[in-house]
Amino acid sequence: HPLAQDVPTKLVAKAVPLPMTVRGHWFLSPRTEYSVAVQTAVKQSDGEYLVSGWSETVEFCTGDYAKEHLAQLQEKAELIAGRM
């Protein structure tokens, strides 16, 4: 997989009081290695953000497509091919 690098991201959620959790959704590709680390940002009264350090990095690899997903992909491909 490509060399690990810092990928800039936008602050997409306002910080909320603990114990609330901000959840994100990512669409992951099958059979792909990922590395994930997080940091938090809390807006302070002066308008500045207090940013935490990075968490531990979690590395994982996604599995293959499930059979029903492959069937859906095949169905889409056949519909497109039928229109061409």
Protein backbone atom coordinates (compact mmCIF):
# COMPACT_ATOMS: atom_id res chain seq x y z
CA HIS A 1 0.00 0.00 0.00
CA PRO A 2 1.15 3.62 -0.49
CA LEU A 3 3.45 5.29 2.01
CA ALA A 4 1.70 6.53 5.12
CA GLN A 5 1.06 10.25 4.96
CA ASP A 6 -0.91 12.91 6.77
CA VAL A 7 -4.15 13.59 4.96
CA PRO A 8 -5.69 16.97 5.75
CA THR A 9 -9.33 16.77 6.77
CA LYS A 10 -11.91 19.41 7.55
CA LEU A 11 -13.44 19.75 10.99
CA VAL A 12 -16.83 18.22 10.21
CA ALA A 13 -18.58 18.14 13.58
CA LYS A 14 -18.90 20.48 16.51
CA ALA A 15 -17.41 19.11 19.69
CA VAL A 16 -20.09 18.01 22.13
CA PRO A 17 -19.88 17.50 25.89
CA LEU A 18 -18.72 14.08 27.09
CA PRO A 19 -19.96 11.36 27.20
CA MET A 20 -21.45 12.11 23.76
CA THR A 21 -19.65 10.68 20.75
CA VAL A 22 -19.22 12.20 17.31
CA ARG A 23 -19.62 9.45 14.73
CA GLY A 24 -18.35 9.52 11.16
CA HIS A 25 -19.18 7.31 8.20
CA TRP A 26 -16.63 6.12 5.71
CA PHE A 27 -17.21 3.94 2.67
CA LEU A 28 -14.38 1.42 2.57
CA SER A 29 -13.18 -0.60 -0.40
CA PRO A 30 -12.92 -4.40 -0.17
CA ARG A 31 -9.50 -6.06 0.21
CA THR A 32 -7.84 -2.78 1.18
CA GLU A 33 -5.47 -1.96 4.03
CA TYR A 34 -6.35 1.08 6.13
CA SER A 35 -4.64 2.99 8.93
CA VAL A 36 -6.81 5.16 11.15
CA ALA A 37 -5.91 7.68 13.84
CA VAL A 38 -8.12 10.36 15.37
CA GLN A 39 -7.77 13.62 17.21
CA THR A 40 -10.37 15.80 18.85
CA ALA A 41 -10.91 19.55 18.72
CA VAL A 42 -12.90 21.46 21.33
CA LYS A 43 -13.91 25.08 20.70
CA GLN A 44 -13.09 27.25 23.69
CA SER A 45 -14.75 30.45 24.92
CA ASP A 46 -12.18 32.60 23.07
CA GLY A 47 -13.12 30.92 19.79
CA GLU A 48 -9.86 29.00 19.52
CA TYR A 49 -9.79 25.21 19.27
CA LEU A 50 -8.06 23.01 21.81
CA VAL A 51 -6.74 20.12 19.71
CA SER A 52 -5.70 16.80 21.24
CA GLY A 53 -2.72 14.75 20.20
CA TRP A 54 -3.22 11.88 17.76
CA SER A 55 -4.62 8.61 19.07
CA GLU A 56 -2.87 5.31 18.56
CA THR A 57 -3.02 4.22 14.93
CA VAL A 58 -5.31 1.27 14.22
CA GLU A 59 -4.45 -0.79 11.15
CA PHE A 60 -6.87 -3.20 9.55
CA CYS A 61 -7.69 -4.82 6.23
CA THR A 62 -11.21 -5.11 4.83
CA GLY A 63 -12.54 -8.42 3.53
CA ASP A 64 -13.92 -9.40 0.15
CA TYR A 65 -17.30 -8.40 -1.21
CA ALA A 66 -20.17 -10.45 0.20
CA LYS A 67 -22.05 -12.62 -2.33
CA GLU A 68 -25.14 -10.38 -2.21
CA HIS A 69 -22.99 -7.32 -3.01
CA LEU A 70 -21.43 -9.14 -5.97
CA ALA A 71 -24.92 -10.03 -7.17
CA GLN A 72 -25.96 -6.36 -6.94
CA LEU A 73 -22.88 -5.29 -8.90
CA GLN A 74 -23.59 -7.90 -11.58
CA GLU A 75 -27.22 -6.76 -11.82
CA LYS A 76 -26.13 -3.11 -12.27
CA ALA A 77 -23.58 -4.13 -14.90
CA GLU A 78 -26.21 -6.11 -16.82
CA LEU A 79 -28.69 -3.19 -16.71
CA ILE A 80 -26.04 -0.80 -18.04
CA ALA A 81 -24.93 -3.29 -20.72
CA GLY A 82 -28.56 -3.75 -21.78
CA ARG A 83 -28.92 0.01 -22.40
CA MET A 84 -25.74 0.24 -24.47
